[in-house]
Amino acid sequence: MALDLTATLHHSATGLEIHKLVVGPVDNNVFVVRCTETGDAALIDAANEHDQLLELAEATGVRTILETHGHWDHVQAIPAMREAGYQVGITAEDAPMLEDMTYDYLLENETVIEVGKLRLETILNPGHTPGSMSFKIHDHPVLFSGDTLFPGGPGATKFEGGSFETIIESIDRLLFAKLDADTIVMPGHGGDTTIGAERPSLDEWIARGW
């Protein structure tokens, strides 16, 4: 049975579709950003359940895969996706976390990734991992935050390479100070939020320490 793209459609705007699947044992969000003018697309986080991801990638015109960070639950489908011909990008800081997996290119801070006529702006957001990266869609109020920012607070920093002070500074300086309040935040797990909904709670997060 062919994949029903109406069921995966998560957000749409002029020239843009965002499709979403929730996969794996810890309910990872996988997003596809698609330019409706050209049909080109990029998949964010090849997390798990590669059969589903391959079907979605083929149906939406995915050309490349962008990893928000290197934690195991966000990368399990990389080998199958690469075997199918998709290139994978990850930051240099998190590339060693792939261990025996491989990748095709490195994601750098403050660059632009072209997806058809769409532009994804890269934001290096360390703290959850040293090389965590968020992606902002240029001219659209949408941010893919990986495990950096969630509804109710920052991502966990208890894992190796994590730093609470760093993630707070990263969120405050690179997201809260620069993005409009109506920017929709689509994280690596769970539901969406907005910059405006989360920004007032920064001091509370600092006080509680997580």
C-alpha atoms as a PDB file:
ATOM      1  CA  MET A   1       0.000   0.000   0.000  1.00  0.00           C
ATOM      2  CA  ALA A   2       1.367   3.398  -0.969  1.00  0.00           C
ATOM      3  CA  LEU A   3       2.187   5.840   1.795  1.00  0.00           C
ATOM      4  CA  ASP A   4      -0.617   8.306   2.489  1.00  0.00           C
ATOM      5  CA  LEU A   5       1.064  11.702   2.434  1.00  0.00           C
ATOM      6  CA  THR A   6      -2.061  13.365   3.759  1.00  0.00           C
ATOM      7  CA  ALA A   7      -1.528  11.382   6.963  1.00  0.00           C
ATOM      8  CA  THR A   8       2.102  12.479   7.351  1.00  0.00           C
ATOM      9  CA  LEU A   9       1.536  16.145   6.453  1.00  0.00           C
ATOM     10  CA  HIS A  10       2.335  18.170   9.584  1.00  0.00           C
ATOM     11  CA  HIS A  11       2.541  21.753   8.331  1.00  0.00           C
ATOM     12  CA  SER A  12       2.098  23.575   5.049  1.00  0.00           C
ATOM     13  CA  ALA A  13       2.563  27.083   3.720  1.00  0.00           C
ATOM     14  CA  THR A  14       3.202  28.703   0.363  1.00  0.00           C
ATOM     15  CA  GLY A  15       5.922  26.668  -1.330  1.00  0.00           C
ATOM     16  CA  LEU A  16       6.437  24.433   1.710  1.00  0.00           C
ATOM     17  CA  GLU A  17       5.304  21.114   3.117  1.00  0.00           C
ATOM     18  CA  ILE A  18       6.563  19.497   6.302  1.00  0.00           C
ATOM     19  CA  HIS A  19       5.877  15.814   6.789  1.00  0.00           C
ATOM     20  CA  LYS A  20       6.354  14.031  10.107  1.00  0.00           C
ATOM     21  CA  LEU A  21       6.718  10.445  11.274  1.00  0.00           C
ATOM     22  CA  VAL A  22       7.193   9.264  14.860  1.00  0.00           C
ATOM     23  CA  VAL A  23       9.459   6.212  15.002  1.00  0.00           C
ATOM     24  CA  GLY A  24      11.486   3.991  17.277  1.00  0.00           C
ATOM     25  CA  PRO A  25      11.375   2.999  20.954  1.00  0.00           C
ATOM     26  CA  VAL A  26      11.612   6.561  22.280  1.00  0.00           C
ATOM     27  CA  ASP A  27       9.198   8.167  19.800  1.00  0.00           C
ATOM     28  CA  ASN A  28      11.602  10.176  17.684  1.00  0.00           C
ATOM     29  CA  ASN A  29      10.210  12.798  15.372  1.00  0.00           C
ATOM     30  CA  VAL A  30      11.441  12.546  11.785  1.00  0.00           C
ATOM     31  CA  PHE A  31      10.649  15.513   9.563  1.00  0.00           C
ATOM     32  CA  VAL A  32      10.751  15.996   5.812  1.00  0.00           C
ATOM     33  CA  VAL A  33      11.021  19.548   4.507  1.00  0.00           C
ATOM     34  CA  ARG A  34       9.685  19.684   0.957  1.00  0.00           C
ATOM     35  CA  CYS A  35       9.726  22.476  -1.613  1.00  0.00           C
ATOM     36  CA  THR A  36       6.382  22.187  -3.381  1.00  0.00           C
ATOM     37  CA  GLU A  37       7.611  24.242  -6.339  1.00  0.00           C
ATOM     38  CA  THR A  38      10.433  21.878  -7.285  1.00  0.00           C
ATOM     39  CA  GLY A  39       9.551  18.656  -5.455  1.00  0.00           C
ATOM     40  CA  ASP A  40      12.949  18.542  -3.741  1.00  0.00           C
ATOM     41  CA  ALA A  41      13.073  17.609  -0.054  1.00  0.00           C
ATOM     42  CA  ALA A  42      15.405  16.961   2.881  1.00  0.00           C
ATOM     43  CA  LEU A  43      14.851  14.524   5.741  1.00  0.00           C
ATOM     44  CA  ILE A  44      15.808  15.572   9.268  1.00  0.00           C
ATOM     45  CA  ASP A  45      17.087  12.755  11.522  1.00  0.00           C
ATOM     46  CA  ALA A  46      17.181   9.230  10.130  1.00  0.00           C
ATOM     47  CA  ALA A  47      16.151   7.949  13.524  1.00  0.00           C
ATOM     48  CA  ASN A  48      14.717   4.438  13.200  1.00  0.00           C
ATOM     49  CA  GLU A  49      12.300   2.180  11.295  1.00  0.00           C
ATOM     50  CA  HIS A  50      14.178   2.624   8.029  1.00  0.00           C
ATOM     51  CA  ASP A  51      11.475   0.933   5.947  1.00  0.00           C
ATOM     52  CA  GLN A  52       9.035   3.713   6.803  1.00  0.00           C
ATOM     53  CA  LEU A  53      11.651   6.398   6.269  1.00  0.00           C
ATOM     54  CA  LEU A  54      12.669   5.018   2.882  1.00  0.00           C
ATOM     55  CA  GLU A  55       9.043   4.983   1.798  1.00  0.00           C
ATOM     56  CA  LEU A  56       8.517   8.553   2.976  1.00  0.00           C
ATOM     57  CA  ALA A  57      11.768   9.721   1.390  1.00  0.00           C
ATOM     58  CA  GLU A  58      10.869   8.229  -1.976  1.00  0.00           C
ATOM     59  CA  ALA A  59       7.332   9.613  -1.880  1.00  0.00           C
ATOM     60  CA  THR A  60       8.432  13.160  -1.021  1.00  0.00           C
ATOM     61  CA  GLY A  61      11.506  13.557  -3.199  1.00  0.00           C
ATOM     62  CA  VAL A  62      14.160  13.548  -0.463  1.00  0.00           C
ATOM     63  CA  ARG A  63      17.643  14.337  -1.775  1.00  0.00           C
ATOM     64  CA  THR A  64      19.650  14.410   1.456  1.00  0.00           C
ATOM     65  CA  ILE A  65      19.495  13.681   5.194  1.00  0.00           C
ATOM     66  CA  LEU A  66      20.412  16.190   7.890  1.00  0.00           C
ATOM     67  CA  GLU A  67      21.216  15.023  11.420  1.00  0.00           C
ATOM     68  CA  THR A  68      20.478  17.329  14.359  1.00  0.00           C
ATOM     69  CA  HIS A  69      22.970  15.418  16.506  1.00  0.00           C
ATOM     70  CA  GLY A  70      24.665  12.071  16.939  1.00  0.00           C
ATOM     71  CA  HIS A  71      22.783  10.322  19.751  1.00  0.00           C
ATOM     72  CA  TRP A  72      21.904   6.706  19.008  1.00  0.00           C
ATOM     73  CA  ASP A  73      18.150   7.236  18.808  1.00  0.00           C
ATOM     74  CA  HIS A  74      18.512   9.803  16.012  1.00  0.00           C
ATOM     75  CA  VAL A  75      20.831   7.819  13.727  1.00  0.00           C
ATOM     76  CA  GLN A  76      19.728   4.169  13.667  1.00  0.00           C
ATOM     77  CA  ALA A  77      18.401   4.328  10.088  1.00  0.00           C
ATOM     78  CA  ILE A  78      21.525   5.937   8.618  1.00  0.00           C
ATOM     79  CA  PRO A  79      23.107   2.720   7.254  1.00  0.00           C
ATOM     80  CA  ALA A  80      19.952   1.671   5.392  1.00  0.00           C
ATOM     81  CA  MET A  81      19.351   5.180   4.074  1.00  0.00           C
ATOM     82  CA  ARG A  82      22.924   5.496   2.803  1.00  0.00           C
ATOM     83  CA  GLU A  83      22.719   2.054   1.236  1.00  0.00           C
ATOM     84  CA  ALA A  84      19.646   3.274  -0.637  1.00  0.00           C
ATOM     85  CA  GLY A  85      21.671   6.185  -2.023  1.00  0.00           C
ATOM     86  CA  TYR A  86      20.838   9.056   0.317  1.00  0.00           C
ATOM     87  CA  GLN A  87      23.669  11.281   1.521  1.00  0.00           C
ATOM     88  CA  VAL A  88      23.917  12.108   5.209  1.00  0.00           C
ATOM     89  CA  GLY A  89      25.274  15.270   6.830  1.00  0.00           C
ATOM     90  CA  ILE A  90      26.263  15.778  10.474  1.00  0.00           C
ATOM     91  CA  THR A  91      28.416  18.267  12.368  1.00  0.00           C
ATOM     92  CA  ALA A  92      32.123  17.579  12.830  1.00  0.00           C
ATOM     93  CA  GLU A  93      31.671  17.736  16.604  1.00  0.00           C
ATOM     94  CA  ASP A  94      29.097  14.912  16.600  1.00  0.00           C
ATOM     95  CA  ALA A  95      30.459  12.822  13.719  1.00  0.00           C
ATOM     96  CA  PRO A  96      32.560  10.630  16.078  1.00  0.00           C
ATOM     97  CA  MET A  97      29.339   9.565  17.809  1.00  0.00           C
ATOM     98  CA  LEU A  98      28.318   7.595  14.725  1.00  0.00           C
ATOM     99  CA  GLU A  99      31.073   5.084  15.583  1.00  0.00           C
ATOM    100  CA  ASP A 100      30.963   2.378  12.889  1.00  0.00           C
ATOM    101  CA  MET A 101      28.389   4.248  10.818  1.00  0.00           C
ATOM    102  CA  THR A 102      29.574   6.676   8.194  1.00  0.00           C
ATOM    103  CA  TYR A 103      28.366   9.970   6.735  1.00  0.00           C
ATOM    104  CA  ASP A 104      28.863  11.891   3.510  1.00  0.00           C
ATOM    105  CA  TYR A 105      29.458  15.528   4.414  1.00  0.00           C
ATOM    106  CA  LEU A 106      29.804  17.864   7.378  1.00  0.00           C
ATOM    107  CA  LEU A 107      27.251  20.452   8.449  1.00  0.00           C
ATOM    108  CA  GLU A 108      28.781  23.804   9.319  1.00  0.00           C
ATOM    109  CA  ASN A 109      27.447  26.659  11.424  1.00  0.00           C
ATOM    110  CA  GLU A 110      25.711  29.635   9.813  1.00  0.00           C
ATOM    111  CA  THR A 111      25.468  28.180   6.337  1.00  0.00           C
ATOM    112  CA  VAL A 112      22.532  27.704   3.990  1.00  0.00           C
ATOM    113  CA  ILE A 113      21.288  24.352   2.716  1.00  0.00           C
ATOM    114  CA  GLU A 114      19.226  24.627  -0.449  1.00  0.00           C
ATOM    115  CA  VAL A 115      16.144  22.420  -0.665  1.00  0.00           C
ATOM    116  CA  GLY A 116      14.645  23.329  -4.004  1.00  0.00           C
ATOM    117  CA  LYS A 117      13.735  26.987  -3.598  1.00  0.00           C
ATOM    118  CA  LEU A 118      13.681  26.696   0.193  1.00  0.00           C
ATOM    119  CA  ARG A 119      16.677  27.631   2.321  1.00  0.00           C
ATOM    120  CA  LEU A 120      17.568  25.962   5.602  1.00  0.00           C
ATOM    121  CA  GLU A 121      19.791  28.094   7.818  1.00  0.00           C
ATOM    122  CA  THR A 122      22.080  26.107  10.118  1.00  0.00           C
ATOM    123  CA  ILE A 123      22.493  27.028  13.788  1.00  0.00           C
ATOM    124  CA  LEU A 124      25.128  25.222  15.855  1.00  0.00           C
ATOM    125  CA  ASN A 125      23.378  24.793  19.230  1.00  0.00           C
ATOM    126  CA  PRO A 126      25.792  22.987  21.572  1.00  0.00           C
ATOM    127  CA  GLY A 127      24.780  21.777  24.998  1.00  0.00           C
ATOM    128  CA  HIS A 128      22.769  18.606  24.480  1.00  0.00           C
ATOM    129  CA  THR A 129      25.756  17.366  22.518  1.00  0.00           C
ATOM    130  CA  PRO A 130      28.839  19.331  21.439  1.00  0.00           C
ATOM    131  CA  GLY A 131      27.608  19.457  17.846  1.00  0.00           C
ATOM    132  CA  SER A 132      23.836  19.733  18.154  1.00  0.00           C
ATOM    133  CA  MET A 133      22.386  21.672  15.238  1.00  0.00           C
ATOM    134  CA  SER A 134      19.064  23.398  14.639  1.00  0.00           C
ATOM    135  CA  PHE A 135      17.654  24.281  11.240  1.00  0.00           C
ATOM    136  CA  LYS A 136      15.607  27.433  10.567  1.00  0.00           C
ATOM    137  CA  ILE A 137      13.600  27.711   7.348  1.00  0.00           C
ATOM    138  CA  HIS A 138      14.388  31.070   5.751  1.00  0.00           C
ATOM    139  CA  ASP A 139      11.288  33.239   5.250  1.00  0.00           C
ATOM    140  CA  HIS A 140       9.142  30.749   7.186  1.00  0.00           C
ATOM    141  CA  PRO A 141       8.604  30.814  10.987  1.00  0.00           C
ATOM    142  CA  VAL A 142       9.758  27.234  11.520  1.00  0.00           C
ATOM    143  CA  LEU A 143      12.717  25.885  13.522  1.00  0.00           C
ATOM    144  CA  PHE A 144      13.764  22.240  13.813  1.00  0.00           C
ATOM    145  CA  SER A 145      15.451  22.144  17.215  1.00  0.00           C
ATOM    146  CA  GLY A 146      16.458  18.502  17.567  1.00  0.00           C
ATOM    147  CA  ASP A 147      16.928  17.808  21.277  1.00  0.00           C
ATOM    148  CA  THR A 148      18.014  21.367  22.120  1.00  0.00           C
ATOM    149  CA  LEU A 149      14.645  22.964  22.876  1.00  0.00           C
ATOM    150  CA  PHE A 150      11.362  21.318  23.858  1.00  0.00           C
ATOM    151  CA  PRO A 151       8.027  22.492  25.221  1.00  0.00           C
ATOM    152  CA  GLY A 152       8.920  23.230  28.838  1.00  0.00           C
ATOM    153  CA  GLY A 153      12.668  23.432  28.663  1.00  0.00           C
ATOM    154  CA  PRO A 154      16.029  22.459  27.206  1.00  0.00           C
ATOM    155  CA  GLY A 155      17.065  18.966  26.225  1.00  0.00           C
ATOM    156  CA  ALA A 156      18.864  16.686  28.675  1.00  0.00           C
ATOM    157  CA  THR A 157      22.492  17.453  29.421  1.00  0.00           C
ATOM    158  CA  LYS A 158      23.340  14.443  31.608  1.00  0.00           C
ATOM    159  CA  PHE A 159      24.897  12.463  28.766  1.00  0.00           C
ATOM    160  CA  GLU A 160      28.588  12.536  27.858  1.00  0.00           C
ATOM    161  CA  GLY A 161      29.433  15.813  26.152  1.00  0.00           C
ATOM    162  CA  GLY A 162      26.371  17.588  27.539  1.00  0.00           C
ATOM    163  CA  SER A 163      26.459  20.863  29.457  1.00  0.00           C
ATOM    164  CA  PHE A 164      23.525  22.628  31.109  1.00  0.00           C
ATOM    165  CA  GLU A 165      25.279  26.002  31.142  1.00  0.00           C
ATOM    166  CA  THR A 166      26.135  25.623  27.467  1.00  0.00           C
ATOM    167  CA  ILE A 167      22.626  24.647  26.352  1.00  0.00           C
ATOM    168  CA  ILE A 168      21.074  27.553  28.284  1.00  0.00           C
ATOM    169  CA  GLU A 169      23.510  30.025  26.707  1.00  0.00           C
ATOM    170  CA  SER A 170      22.938  28.423  23.315  1.00  0.00           C
ATOM    171  CA  ILE A 171      19.151  28.673  23.543  1.00  0.00           C
ATOM    172  CA  ASP A 172      19.201  32.206  24.924  1.00  0.00           C
ATOM    173  CA  ARG A 173      21.746  33.736  22.542  1.00  0.00           C
ATOM    174  CA  LEU A 174      21.059  31.824  19.341  1.00  0.00           C
ATOM    175  CA  LEU A 175      17.312  31.152  19.514  1.00  0.00           C
ATOM    176  CA  PHE A 176      15.499  33.415  21.983  1.00  0.00           C
ATOM    177  CA  ALA A 177      17.501  36.537  21.099  1.00  0.00           C
ATOM    178  CA  LYS A 178      17.266  36.076  17.339  1.00  0.00           C
ATOM    179  CA  LEU A 179      13.976  34.397  16.440  1.00  0.00           C
ATOM    180  CA  ASP A 180      10.503  35.907  16.359  1.00  0.00           C
ATOM    181  CA  ALA A 181       7.992  34.899  19.022  1.00  0.00           C
ATOM    182  CA  ASP A 182       5.738  33.202  16.479  1.00  0.00           C
ATOM    183  CA  THR A 183       8.498  30.852  15.279  1.00  0.00           C
ATOM    184  CA  ILE A 184       7.189  27.286  15.492  1.00  0.00           C
ATOM    185  CA  VAL A 185       9.642  24.957  17.219  1.00  0.00           C
ATOM    186  CA  MET A 186       9.529  21.358  16.005  1.00  0.00           C
ATOM    187  CA  PRO A 187      11.671  19.253  18.385  1.00  0.00           C
ATOM    188  CA  GLY A 188      13.163  15.786  18.118  1.00  0.00           C
ATOM    189  CA  HIS A 189      10.510  14.273  20.395  1.00  0.00           C
ATOM    190  CA  GLY A 190       6.996  15.310  21.369  1.00  0.00           C
ATOM    191  CA  GLY A 191       4.822  18.154  20.185  1.00  0.00           C
ATOM    192  CA  ASP A 192       5.517  21.574  18.747  1.00  0.00           C
ATOM    193  CA  THR A 193       5.868  24.802  20.669  1.00  0.00           C
ATOM    194  CA  THR A 194       6.848  28.384  19.823  1.00  0.00           C
ATOM    195  CA  ILE A 195       9.720  30.660  20.752  1.00  0.00           C
ATOM    196  CA  GLY A 196       7.221  33.036  22.353  1.00  0.00           C
ATOM    197  CA  ALA A 197       5.739  30.299  24.536  1.00  0.00           C
ATOM    198  CA  GLU A 198       9.130  29.180  25.865  1.00  0.00           C
ATOM    199  CA  ARG A 199      11.174  32.395  26.126  1.00  0.00           C
ATOM    200  CA  PRO A 200       9.547  33.700  29.355  1.00  0.00           C
ATOM    201  CA  SER A 201      10.547  30.521  31.219  1.00  0.00           C
ATOM    202  CA  LEU A 202      14.309  30.788  30.764  1.00  0.00           C
ATOM    203  CA  ASP A 203      15.009  32.053  34.292  1.00  0.00           C
ATOM    204  CA  GLU A 204      12.803  29.292  35.720  1.00  0.00           C
ATOM    205  CA  TRP A 205      14.822  26.660  33.859  1.00  0.00           C
ATOM    206  CA  ILE A 206      18.066  28.141  35.142  1.00  0.00           C
ATOM    207  CA  ALA A 207      16.737  28.117  38.731  1.00  0.00           C
ATOM    208  CA  ARG A 208      15.618  24.495  38.573  1.00  0.00           C
ATOM    209  CA  GLY A 209      18.850  23.398  36.910  1.00  0.00           C
ATOM    210  CA  TRP A 210      17.430  21.252  34.111  1.00  0.00           C
END
